[in-house]
Amino acid sequence: MSYSIISIGEPVIDFVEICGYDRFKKAYVSNAGGGAANVLAAAAAMGGKPAMIGRVGDDIFGEYLISSLRRAGIDTAGIKRDASKPTGIGFVYHRDNGERDFLFYRDRTTNVTLYDHEAEKSIVEDCRIYHYTSVSLTSPSLRADTLAARDYARSLGKTVSFDANYRPGLWEDAREAHKIIMDCIRHADVVKLSEEEFEAFFSAESMEGCAGKLLAGNAKFVAISLGGRGCFYATRKVTGEHTAPRVNAIDTTGCGDALMGALLQLFCDESIVDRFDCVESNVLGKVVSLAVCAASICAERLGSMECIANREEALESLRLRDSQSRER
């Protein structure tokens, strides 16, 4: 089978806050999630054929995740169930100032094999884009497997995509995290940062300066998500920024992943993945606009993977945004 995008990681259960009775008493709803899984779900919703390599626990949460991935259109042949550790869970809650935050519960002591080269190399061989995030780099064993799969993909000429997706609570050493993430950014063809990550890792640079520095190296496309303001993007030929449509945001969990998954799938559909350096600005602009609209829809829905918009919904949102722009 040929895959548009594959990713590696540990899908998790997101417990998303739905209401708070006071500071400590809150109600949560469970959703299938994890950055890598969300990206693949967004790619599938755009019509792609993604696959995931990873591990879940041999428990009810692991069973739920595999079922959810399959329903989302993700090939799960590369996901194994491991009885030696439980499936990871995370809580998405809001601070007193309204800002979103994360609290993760994962077994960091048990070494887990994410990628078995002999068993799963065919999945890497059959993809166009290999995507990963820093979440699968947070322990030595996870990091070794993630980078081994990445290096094999690169040796085959695949496009390598990296989303920083920095979660401080998953790292024991912030300085080590910074060093590892920066190295991955420098070795990726497609780089995506949030505005907060851009400020954390490139504090002395403008967005244009950051993109220019990365594009002078290995990068071919750089995106910086700007939340409700949309997305800044650049190639070696084109620089632009697209605004998001006005929405009534209730939960931004997974919006960045939705943006990334839509972008990667559209890169495949438009054959941009093979010609970043020569794609015209109008073609790239349409792709980024559609991906931004797909991400904005997620903000109006509660959850992660379950709130991903399909292509038709994104196209309708794009038409609405353009109509709003003409009226102003």
Protein backbone atom coordinates (compact mmCIF):
# COMPACT_ATOMS: atom_id res chain seq x y z
CA MET A 1 0.00 0.00 0.00
CA SER A 2 1.17 3.54 -0.74
CA TYR A 3 0.78 6.14 2.03
CA SER A 4 0.71 9.90 1.64
CA ILE A 5 2.00 10.53 5.17
CA ILE A 6 3.25 8.37 8.01
CA SER A 7 4.06 9.41 11.54
CA ILE A 8 5.59 7.82 14.58
CA GLY A 9 4.63 8.23 18.21
CA GLU A 10 2.44 7.20 21.10
CA PRO A 11 -1.21 8.14 20.67
CA VAL A 12 -2.75 9.22 23.97
CA ILE A 13 -6.10 9.79 25.61
CA ASP A 14 -6.79 13.50 26.03
CA PHE A 15 -9.07 14.37 28.93
CA VAL A 16 -10.37 17.80 27.92
CA GLU A 17 -11.91 20.14 30.48
CA ILE A 18 -15.57 20.80 29.67
CA CYS A 19 -16.58 22.75 32.76
CA GLY A 20 -15.19 23.84 36.09
CA TYR A 21 -17.22 24.07 39.27
CA ASP A 22 -14.33 25.76 41.05
CA ARG A 23 -10.54 25.88 40.71
CA PHE A 24 -10.04 22.23 41.66
CA LYS A 25 -13.33 20.52 40.84
CA LYS A 26 -13.65 20.14 37.07
CA ALA A 27 -15.33 17.83 34.58
CA TYR A 28 -13.45 16.26 31.69
CA VAL A 29 -14.36 14.28 28.58
CA SER A 30 -12.00 11.71 27.04
CA ASN A 31 -10.88 11.95 23.41
CA ALA A 32 -8.38 10.08 21.26
CA GLY A 33 -5.40 12.34 20.67
CA GLY A 34 -1.68 12.89 20.54
CA GLY A 35 0.01 15.24 18.09
CA ALA A 36 1.11 12.61 15.58
CA ALA A 37 -2.31 10.92 15.54
CA ASN A 38 -4.13 14.23 15.16
CA VAL A 39 -1.96 15.20 12.17
CA LEU A 40 -2.72 11.90 10.45
CA ALA A 41 -6.44 12.23 11.17
CA ALA A 42 -6.38 15.66 9.53
CA ALA A 43 -4.58 14.22 6.51
CA ALA A 44 -7.17 11.44 6.22
CA ALA A 45 -10.01 14.00 6.49
CA MET A 46 -8.46 15.78 3.51
CA GLY A 47 -8.67 12.55 1.53
CA GLY A 48 -5.23 11.12 2.23
CA LYS A 49 -4.04 7.62 3.12
CA PRO A 50 -1.93 8.00 6.27
CA ALA A 51 -0.39 5.36 8.51
CA MET A 52 0.98 5.40 12.02
CA ILE A 53 3.88 3.57 13.63
CA GLY A 54 3.78 3.41 17.41
CA ARG A 55 2.74 1.66 20.59
CA VAL A 56 -0.17 1.73 23.01
CA GLY A 57 -0.75 -0.17 26.22
CA ASP A 58 -2.54 -3.50 26.26
CA ASP A 59 -5.49 -1.94 28.08
CA ILE A 60 -8.91 -0.46 27.41
CA PHE A 61 -7.43 2.93 26.47
CA GLY A 62 -5.13 1.29 23.93
CA GLU A 63 -8.07 -0.57 22.44
CA TYR A 64 -10.04 2.69 22.25
CA LEU A 65 -7.17 4.50 20.53
CA ILE A 66 -6.64 1.86 17.85
CA SER A 67 -10.38 1.80 17.16
CA SER A 68 -10.46 5.62 16.95
CA LEU A 69 -7.47 5.74 14.59
CA ARG A 70 -9.10 3.25 12.27
CA ARG A 71 -12.38 5.16 12.28
CA ALA A 72 -10.42 8.30 11.38
CA GLY A 73 -9.00 6.56 8.29
CA ILE A 74 -5.49 5.86 9.63
CA ASP A 75 -3.75 2.58 8.85
CA THR A 76 -2.79 0.98 12.19
CA ALA A 77 -0.70 -1.96 10.95
CA GLY A 78 2.36 -0.32 12.52
CA ILE A 79 0.79 0.11 15.98
CA LYS A 80 1.51 -2.61 18.51
CA ARG A 81 0.00 -3.19 21.95
CA ASP A 82 2.55 -3.42 24.74
CA ALA A 83 1.60 -5.04 28.05
CA SER A 84 4.69 -3.68 29.81
CA LYS A 85 3.30 -0.15 30.21
CA PRO A 86 -0.09 1.59 30.29
CA THR A 87 -1.43 3.80 27.54
CA GLY A 88 -0.49 7.44 28.11
CA ILE A 89 -3.09 9.98 29.15
CA GLY A 90 -3.06 13.77 29.32
CA PHE A 91 -5.30 16.41 30.84
CA VAL A 92 -6.05 19.60 28.93
CA TYR A 93 -7.21 22.29 31.31
CA HIS A 94 -7.39 26.06 31.61
CA ARG A 95 -5.44 28.25 33.99
CA ASP A 96 -7.08 31.04 35.99
CA ASN A 97 -6.16 33.49 33.21
CA GLY A 98 -7.97 31.33 30.64
CA GLU A 99 -4.82 30.03 28.95
CA ARG A 100 -4.76 26.33 28.00
CA ASP A 101 -2.26 24.02 29.70
CA PHE A 102 -1.36 20.32 29.72
CA LEU A 103 -0.68 17.72 32.37
CA PHE A 104 0.66 14.37 31.16
CA TYR A 105 0.78 10.96 32.79
CA ARG A 106 3.16 8.62 31.01
CA ASP A 107 5.45 5.80 32.10
CA ARG A 108 8.97 7.17 31.56
CA THR A 109 10.76 4.28 33.23
CA THR A 110 9.82 1.43 30.88
CA ASN A 111 11.69 1.34 27.57
CA VAL A 112 9.30 0.89 24.66
CA THR A 113 10.23 0.01 21.09
CA LEU A 114 8.35 2.44 18.85
CA TYR A 115 9.95 1.30 15.62
CA ASP A 116 11.07 -2.20 14.67
CA HIS A 117 13.05 -1.70 11.47
CA GLU A 118 12.64 -5.20 10.07
CA ALA A 119 8.92 -5.35 10.85
CA GLU A 120 7.97 -1.80 9.90
CA LYS A 121 10.48 -0.55 7.35
CA SER A 122 8.00 -1.29 4.54
CA ILE A 123 5.67 1.36 5.97
CA VAL A 124 8.46 3.93 5.71
CA GLU A 125 9.33 2.75 2.21
CA ASP A 126 5.73 3.23 1.06
CA CYS A 127 5.23 6.85 2.19
CA ARG A 128 5.80 10.25 0.60
CA ILE A 129 6.20 12.21 3.85
CA TYR A 130 7.63 11.11 7.19
CA HIS A 131 6.30 13.33 10.00
CA TYR A 132 7.27 13.45 13.66
CA THR A 133 7.14 15.74 16.69
CA SER A 134 9.33 16.34 19.72
CA VAL A 135 6.91 14.38 21.91
CA SER A 136 8.46 11.15 20.60
CA LEU A 137 11.95 12.41 21.49
CA THR A 138 11.46 12.80 25.24
CA SER A 139 13.28 9.63 26.32
CA PRO A 140 16.43 7.98 24.92
CA SER A 141 14.63 4.87 23.67
CA LEU A 142 11.80 6.79 22.00
CA ARG A 143 14.29 9.22 20.50
CA ALA A 144 16.51 6.47 19.07
CA ASP A 145 13.56 4.77 17.34
CA THR A 146 12.05 8.01 16.03
CA LEU A 147 15.33 9.23 14.57
CA ALA A 148 16.21 5.80 13.15
CA ALA A 149 12.94 5.79 11.21
CA ARG A 150 13.54 9.41 10.15
CA ASP A 151 17.05 8.66 8.93
CA TYR A 152 15.81 5.65 6.96
CA ALA A 153 13.10 7.80 5.37
CA ARG A 154 15.68 10.42 4.44
CA SER A 155 17.98 7.78 2.94
CA LEU A 156 15.10 6.82 0.63
CA GLY A 157 14.56 10.44 -0.46
CA LYS A 158 11.31 10.91 1.48
CA THR A 159 10.25 14.37 2.63
CA VAL A 160 10.84 14.79 6.38
CA SER A 161 8.38 16.95 8.33
CA PHE A 162 8.90 18.13 11.91
CA ASP A 163 6.51 19.92 14.26
CA ALA A 164 8.27 21.14 17.40
CA ASN A 165 5.11 20.58 19.51
CA TYR A 166 7.15 21.40 22.61
CA ARG A 167 5.60 20.23 25.89
CA PRO A 168 7.94 21.21 28.77
CA GLY A 169 6.23 18.83 31.19
CA LEU A 170 7.41 15.82 29.17
CA TRP A 171 11.09 16.76 29.37
CA GLU A 172 13.36 16.36 32.38
CA ASP A 173 15.95 18.85 31.11
CA ALA A 174 14.83 21.99 29.27
CA ARG A 175 18.33 22.70 27.90
CA GLU A 176 18.57 19.20 26.46
CA ALA A 177 15.10 19.61 24.94
CA HIS A 178 16.14 22.88 23.28
CA LYS A 179 19.28 21.30 21.81
CA ILE A 180 17.47 18.21 20.47
CA ILE A 181 14.54 20.17 19.03
CA MET A 182 16.82 22.68 17.32
CA ASP A 183 18.78 19.85 15.73
CA CYS A 184 15.57 18.30 14.39
CA ILE A 185 14.40 21.67 13.06
CA ARG A 186 17.68 22.07 11.16
CA HIS A 187 17.38 18.62 9.56
CA ALA A 188 13.73 18.80 8.41
CA ASP A 189 12.39 19.66 4.96
CA VAL A 190 9.11 20.96 6.41
CA VAL A 191 9.15 22.79 9.75
CA LYS A 192 6.16 23.92 11.77
CA LEU A 193 6.33 26.05 14.92
CA SER A 194 3.67 27.64 17.06
CA GLU A 195 4.07 31.34 17.79
CA GLU A 196 5.10 30.45 21.36
CA GLU A 197 7.74 28.00 20.08
CA PHE A 198 9.05 30.57 17.61
CA GLU A 199 9.49 33.04 20.48
CA ALA A 200 11.13 30.39 22.68
CA PHE A 201 13.59 29.04 20.11
CA PHE A 202 14.19 32.10 17.92
CA SER A 203 13.66 35.00 20.32
CA ALA A 204 16.18 37.27 18.60
CA GLU A 205 14.70 36.79 15.11
CA SER A 206 11.74 38.14 13.21
CA MET A 207 9.53 35.50 11.59
CA GLU A 208 11.05 36.39 8.22
CA GLY A 209 14.54 36.18 9.68
CA CYS A 210 13.81 32.82 11.33
CA ALA A 211 12.41 31.40 8.10
CA GLY A 212 15.29 32.78 6.06
CA LYS A 213 17.84 31.19 8.35
CA LEU A 214 16.14 27.79 8.19
CA LEU A 215 15.54 27.96 4.43
CA ALA A 216 19.22 28.73 3.89
CA GLY A 217 19.86 25.33 5.38
CA ASN A 218 17.84 22.15 4.83
CA ALA A 219 14.28 23.49 5.16
CA LYS A 220 12.09 23.89 2.09
CA PHE A 221 8.92 25.11 3.83
CA VAL A 222 8.48 26.85 7.19
CA ALA A 223 5.15 27.54 8.89
CA ILE A 224 4.50 29.46 12.11
CA SER A 225 0.94 29.08 13.38
CA LEU A 226 -0.50 32.28 14.85
CA GLY A 227 -3.61 30.97 16.58
CA GLY A 228 -6.69 32.97 15.71
CA ARG A 229 -4.60 35.24 13.46
CA GLY A 230 -3.81 32.47 10.98
CA CYS A 231 -0.42 31.33 9.73
CA PHE A 232 2.89 32.77 8.52
CA TYR A 233 4.67 30.65 5.91
CA ALA A 234 7.73 30.75 3.67
CA THR A 235 9.63 28.85 1.03
CA ARG A 236 12.86 29.96 -0.65
CA LYS A 237 10.69 31.68 -3.25
CA VAL A 238 7.48 32.73 -1.46
CA THR A 239 6.65 34.41 1.86
CA GLY A 240 3.14 35.07 3.06
CA GLU A 241 0.61 35.17 5.86
CA HIS A 242 -3.02 34.07 5.76
CA THR A 243 -5.64 35.09 8.27
CA ALA A 244 -8.08 32.69 9.87
CA PRO A 245 -11.84 33.16 9.54
CA ARG A 246 -13.66 34.59 12.54
CA VAL A 247 -14.91 31.74 14.73
CA ASN A 248 -16.41 31.23 18.17
CA ALA A 249 -13.50 29.32 19.69
CA ILE A 250 -14.32 26.93 22.52
CA ASP A 251 -11.28 24.60 22.49
CA THR A 252 -8.02 25.03 20.57
CA THR A 253 -6.67 21.54 21.35
CA GLY A 254 -5.47 19.98 18.12
CA CYS A 255 -5.79 23.11 15.95
CA GLY A 256 -2.06 23.20 15.19
CA ASP A 257 -2.14 19.50 14.35
CA ALA A 258 -5.13 20.04 12.06
CA LEU A 259 -3.22 22.79 10.26
CA MET A 260 -0.18 20.57 9.83
CA GLY A 261 -2.09 17.50 8.66
CA ALA A 262 -4.06 19.50 6.11
CA LEU A 263 -0.89 21.19 4.83
CA LEU A 264 1.00 17.93 4.40
CA GLN A 265 -1.87 16.21 2.59
CA LEU A 266 -2.42 19.19 0.30
CA PHE A 267 1.31 19.24 -0.45
CA CYS A 268 0.91 15.67 -1.70
CA ASP A 269 -2.28 16.38 -3.64
CA GLU A 270 -0.79 19.39 -5.44
CA SER A 271 2.63 17.70 -5.91
CA ILE A 272 4.17 20.57 -3.96
CA VAL A 273 6.13 18.06 -1.93
CA ASP A 274 8.28 17.50 -5.03
CA ARG A 275 8.77 21.17 -5.99
CA PHE A 276 8.79 23.50 -2.99
CA ASP A 277 11.43 25.70 -4.59
CA CYS A 278 9.41 26.42 -7.72
CA VAL A 279 5.76 26.41 -6.60
CA GLU A 280 3.93 29.63 -7.49
CA SER A 281 2.69 31.96 -4.76
CA ASN A 282 -0.98 31.67 -5.78
CA VAL A 283 -0.88 27.86 -5.59
CA LEU A 284 0.86 27.83 -2.22
CA GLY A 285 -1.42 30.58 -0.92
CA LYS A 286 -4.54 28.56 -1.73
CA VAL A 287 -3.12 25.53 0.04
CA VAL A 288 -2.21 27.45 3.19
CA SER A 289 -5.58 29.24 3.21
CA LEU A 290 -7.48 25.96 3.05
CA ALA A 291 -5.35 24.45 5.81
CA VAL A 292 -5.88 27.50 8.02
CA CYS A 293 -9.63 27.19 7.54
CA ALA A 294 -9.52 23.49 8.41
CA ALA A 295 -7.67 24.34 11.63
CA SER A 296 -10.09 27.12 12.55
CA ILE A 297 -13.04 24.72 12.45
CA CYS A 298 -11.39 22.64 15.18
CA ALA A 299 -11.48 25.62 17.52
CA GLU A 300 -15.28 25.59 17.35
CA ARG A 301 -15.44 21.97 18.48
CA LEU A 302 -14.51 20.14 21.66
CA GLY A 303 -11.82 17.49 21.50
CA SER A 304 -8.84 16.51 19.40
CA MET A 305 -9.11 13.84 16.72
CA GLU A 306 -12.90 13.86 16.77
CA CYS A 307 -13.08 17.56 15.90
CA ILE A 308 -11.01 17.39 12.69
CA ALA A 309 -12.69 19.04 9.70
CA ASN A 310 -12.99 17.32 6.33
CA ARG A 311 -12.14 18.90 2.98
CA GLU A 312 -15.71 19.98 2.18
CA GLU A 313 -16.04 21.73 5.54
CA ALA A 314 -12.71 23.48 5.05
CA LEU A 315 -13.70 24.64 1.57
CA GLU A 316 -16.96 26.06 2.91
CA SER A 317 -15.07 27.86 5.68
CA LEU A 318 -12.70 29.31 3.07
CA ARG A 319 -15.62 30.60 1.01
CA LEU A 320 -17.10 32.18 4.14
CA ARG A 321 -13.79 33.81 5.07
CA ASP A 322 -13.40 35.26 1.57
CA SER A 323 -16.99 36.56 1.74
CA GLN A 324 -16.23 38.21 5.09
CA SER A 325 -13.13 39.83 3.60
CA ARG A 326 -15.08 41.30 0.68
CA GLU A 327 -17.67 42.76 3.04
CA ARG A 328 -15.05 44.64 5.10
